[in-house]
């Protein structure tokens, strides 16, 4: 009978180790699932930040283009004003010469 009790004890010990291993495997599985969720959340955050970065980049590009357009308009107006001033000076000097000849 001693051998049978030893065998039963070994079976019970083996079953206890199997149960312990199953518990550990379950815990590891839960940890892996949590880490997968965390990684998925982080990848979603990265995608959102990339989209936000693209949007801000487009906004910056539009702002740069508007600034370039405004500079062109300002320089064009400045050139027109300078041309008018030069034209007025030429017109004034021409009439002074004409008046001096009369």
C-alpha atoms as a PDB file:
ATOM      1  CA  UNK A   1       0.000   0.000   0.000  1.00  0.00           C
ATOM      2  CA  UNK A   2       2.930   2.328   0.525  1.00  0.00           C
ATOM      3  CA  UNK A   3       3.703   2.476  -3.165  1.00  0.00           C
ATOM      4  CA  UNK A   4       0.149   3.358  -4.056  1.00  0.00           C
ATOM      5  CA  UNK A   5       0.133   6.174  -1.512  1.00  0.00           C
ATOM      6  CA  UNK A   6       3.460   7.416  -2.884  1.00  0.00           C
ATOM      7  CA  UNK A   7       2.039   7.300  -6.419  1.00  0.00           C
ATOM      8  CA  UNK A   8      -1.094   9.130  -5.311  1.00  0.00           C
ATOM      9  CA  UNK A   9       1.057  11.739  -3.572  1.00  0.00           C
ATOM     10  CA  UNK A  10       3.199  12.169  -6.697  1.00  0.00           C
ATOM     11  CA  UNK A  11       0.063  12.507  -8.822  1.00  0.00           C
ATOM     12  CA  UNK A  12      -1.291  15.122  -6.432  1.00  0.00           C
ATOM     13  CA  UNK A  13       2.046  16.961  -6.461  1.00  0.00           C
ATOM     14  CA  UNK A  14       2.145  16.829 -10.264  1.00  0.00           C
ATOM     15  CA  UNK A  15      -1.450  18.076 -10.428  1.00  0.00           C
ATOM     16  CA  UNK A  16      -0.577  20.929  -8.032  1.00  0.00           C
ATOM     17  CA  UNK A  17       2.402  21.900 -10.208  1.00  0.00           C
ATOM     18  CA  UNK A  18       0.210  21.751 -13.330  1.00  0.00           C
ATOM     19  CA  UNK A  19      -2.392  23.954 -11.639  1.00  0.00           C
ATOM     20  CA  UNK A  20       0.331  26.356 -10.565  1.00  0.00           C
ATOM     21  CA  UNK A  21       1.717  26.484 -14.118  1.00  0.00           C
ATOM     22  CA  UNK A  22      -1.787  27.060 -15.519  1.00  0.00           C
ATOM     23  CA  UNK A  23      -2.260  29.926 -13.074  1.00  0.00           C
ATOM     24  CA  UNK A  24       1.069  31.445 -14.111  1.00  0.00           C
ATOM     25  CA  UNK A  25       0.190  31.019 -17.790  1.00  0.00           C
ATOM     26  CA  UNK A  26      -3.144  32.739 -17.192  1.00  0.00           C
ATOM     27  CA  UNK A  27      -1.430  35.636 -15.441  1.00  0.00           C
ATOM     28  CA  UNK A  28       1.123  35.955 -18.247  1.00  0.00           C
ATOM     29  CA  UNK A  29      -1.689  35.874 -20.794  1.00  0.00           C
ATOM     30  CA  UNK A  30      -3.482  38.697 -18.986  1.00  0.00           C
ATOM     31  CA  UNK A  31      -0.252  40.705 -18.808  1.00  0.00           C
ATOM     32  CA  UNK A  32       0.355  40.187 -22.529  1.00  0.00           C
ATOM     33  CA  UNK A  33      -3.173  41.333 -23.359  1.00  0.00           C
ATOM     34  CA  UNK A  34      -2.710  44.444 -21.237  1.00  0.00           C
ATOM     35  CA  UNK A  35       0.588  45.206 -22.952  1.00  0.00           C
ATOM     36  CA  UNK A  36      -1.008  44.685 -26.368  1.00  0.00           C
ATOM     37  CA  UNK A  37      -3.753  47.149 -25.430  1.00  0.00           C
ATOM     38  CA  UNK A  38      -1.131  49.600 -24.221  1.00  0.00           C
ATOM     39  CA  UNK A  39       0.881  49.269 -27.435  1.00  0.00           C
ATOM     40  CA  UNK A  40      -2.278  49.684 -29.521  1.00  0.00           C
ATOM     41  CA  UNK A  41      -3.187  52.805 -27.537  1.00  0.00           C
ATOM     42  CA  UNK A  42       0.280  54.217 -28.022  1.00  0.00           C
ATOM     43  CA  UNK A  43       0.188  53.516 -31.760  1.00  0.00           C
ATOM     44  CA  UNK A  44      -3.188  55.285 -31.958  1.00  0.00           C
ATOM     45  CA  UNK A  45      -1.716  58.274 -30.111  1.00  0.00           C
ATOM     46  CA  UNK A  46       1.215  58.340 -32.514  1.00  0.00           C
ATOM     47  CA  UNK A  47      -1.140  58.254 -35.521  1.00  0.00           C
ATOM     48  CA  UNK A  48      -3.229  61.068 -34.032  1.00  0.00           C
ATOM     49  CA  UNK A  49      -0.127  63.144 -33.393  1.00  0.00           C
ATOM     50  CA  UNK A  50       1.098  62.521 -36.946  1.00  0.00           C
ATOM     51  CA  UNK A  51      -2.249  63.686 -38.319  1.00  0.00           C
ATOM     52  CA  UNK A  52      -2.085  66.766 -36.118  1.00  0.00           C
ATOM     53  CA  UNK A  53       1.468  67.400 -37.290  1.00  0.00           C
ATOM     54  CA  UNK A  54       0.394  67.109 -40.940  1.00  0.00           C
ATOM     55  CA  UNK A  55      -2.462  69.537 -40.324  1.00  0.00           C
ATOM     56  CA  UNK A  56      -0.161  72.046 -38.649  1.00  0.00           C
ATOM     57  CA  UNK A  57       2.369  71.634 -41.434  1.00  0.00           C
ATOM     58  CA  UNK A  58      -0.324  72.420 -44.026  1.00  0.00           C
ATOM     59  CA  UNK A  59      -1.447  75.431 -41.993  1.00  0.00           C
ATOM     60  CA  UNK A  60       2.145  76.655 -41.799  1.00  0.00           C
ATOM     61  CA  UNK A  61       2.588  76.195 -45.548  1.00  0.00           C
ATOM     62  CA  UNK A  62      -0.592  78.189 -46.229  1.00  0.00           C
ATOM     63  CA  UNK A  63       0.575  80.916 -43.879  1.00  0.00           C
ATOM     64  CA  UNK A  64       3.937  81.093 -45.656  1.00  0.00           C
ATOM     65  CA  UNK A  65       2.202  81.319 -49.039  1.00  0.00           C
ATOM     66  CA  UNK A  66      -0.093  84.116 -47.768  1.00  0.00           C
ATOM     67  CA  UNK A  67       2.905  86.002 -46.414  1.00  0.00           C
ATOM     68  CA  UNK A  68       4.677  85.699 -49.769  1.00  0.00           C
ATOM     69  CA  UNK A  69       1.555  87.003 -51.541  1.00  0.00           C
ATOM     70  CA  UNK A  70       1.274  89.934 -49.104  1.00  0.00           C
ATOM     71  CA  UNK A  71       4.936  90.810 -49.645  1.00  0.00           C
ATOM     72  CA  UNK A  72       4.405  90.813 -53.412  1.00  0.00           C
ATOM     73  CA  UNK A  73       1.403  93.113 -53.030  1.00  0.00           C
ATOM     74  CA  UNK A  74       3.302  95.459 -50.718  1.00  0.00           C
ATOM     75  CA  UNK A  75       6.330  95.620 -53.030  1.00  0.00           C
ATOM     76  CA  UNK A  76       4.079  96.192 -56.031  1.00  0.00           C
ATOM     77  CA  UNK A  77       2.284  99.067 -54.274  1.00  0.00           C
ATOM     78  CA  UNK A  78       5.624 100.510 -53.174  1.00  0.00           C
ATOM     79  CA  UNK A  79       6.909 100.340 -56.760  1.00  0.00           C
ATOM     80  CA  UNK A  80       3.755 102.073 -58.049  1.00  0.00           C
ATOM     81  CA  UNK A  81       4.083 104.823 -55.440  1.00  0.00           C
ATOM     82  CA  UNK A  82       7.768 105.327 -56.325  1.00  0.00           C
ATOM     83  CA  UNK A  83       6.905 105.399 -60.028  1.00  0.00           C
ATOM     84  CA  UNK A  84       4.228 108.051 -59.363  1.00  0.00           C
ATOM     85  CA  UNK A  85       6.668 110.151 -57.331  1.00  0.00           C
ATOM     86  CA  UNK A  86       9.322 109.897 -60.041  1.00  0.00           C
ATOM     87  CA  UNK A  87       6.697 110.718 -62.691  1.00  0.00           C
ATOM     88  CA  UNK A  88       5.537 113.763 -60.720  1.00  0.00           C
ATOM     89  CA  UNK A  89       9.138 114.960 -60.329  1.00  0.00           C
ATOM     90  CA  UNK A  90       9.768 114.527 -64.045  1.00  0.00           C
ATOM     91  CA  UNK A  91       6.493 116.316 -64.853  1.00  0.00           C
ATOM     92  CA  UNK A  92       7.434 119.180 -62.480  1.00  0.00           C
ATOM     93  CA  UNK A  93      10.943 119.536 -63.908  1.00  0.00           C
ATOM     94  CA  UNK A  94       9.576 119.417 -67.489  1.00  0.00           C
ATOM     95  CA  UNK A  95       7.113 122.240 -66.790  1.00  0.00           C
ATOM     96  CA  UNK A  96       9.794 124.280 -65.026  1.00  0.00           C
ATOM     97  CA  UNK A  97      11.971 124.014 -68.144  1.00  0.00           C
ATOM     98  CA  UNK A  98       9.032 124.913 -70.389  1.00  0.00           C
ATOM     99  CA  UNK A  99       8.145 127.903 -68.149  1.00  0.00           C
ATOM    100  CA  UNK A 100      11.777 129.035 -68.071  1.00  0.00           C
ATOM    101  CA  UNK A 101      11.921 129.058 -71.890  1.00  0.00           C
ATOM    102  CA  UNK A 102       8.834 131.220 -72.173  1.00  0.00           C
END
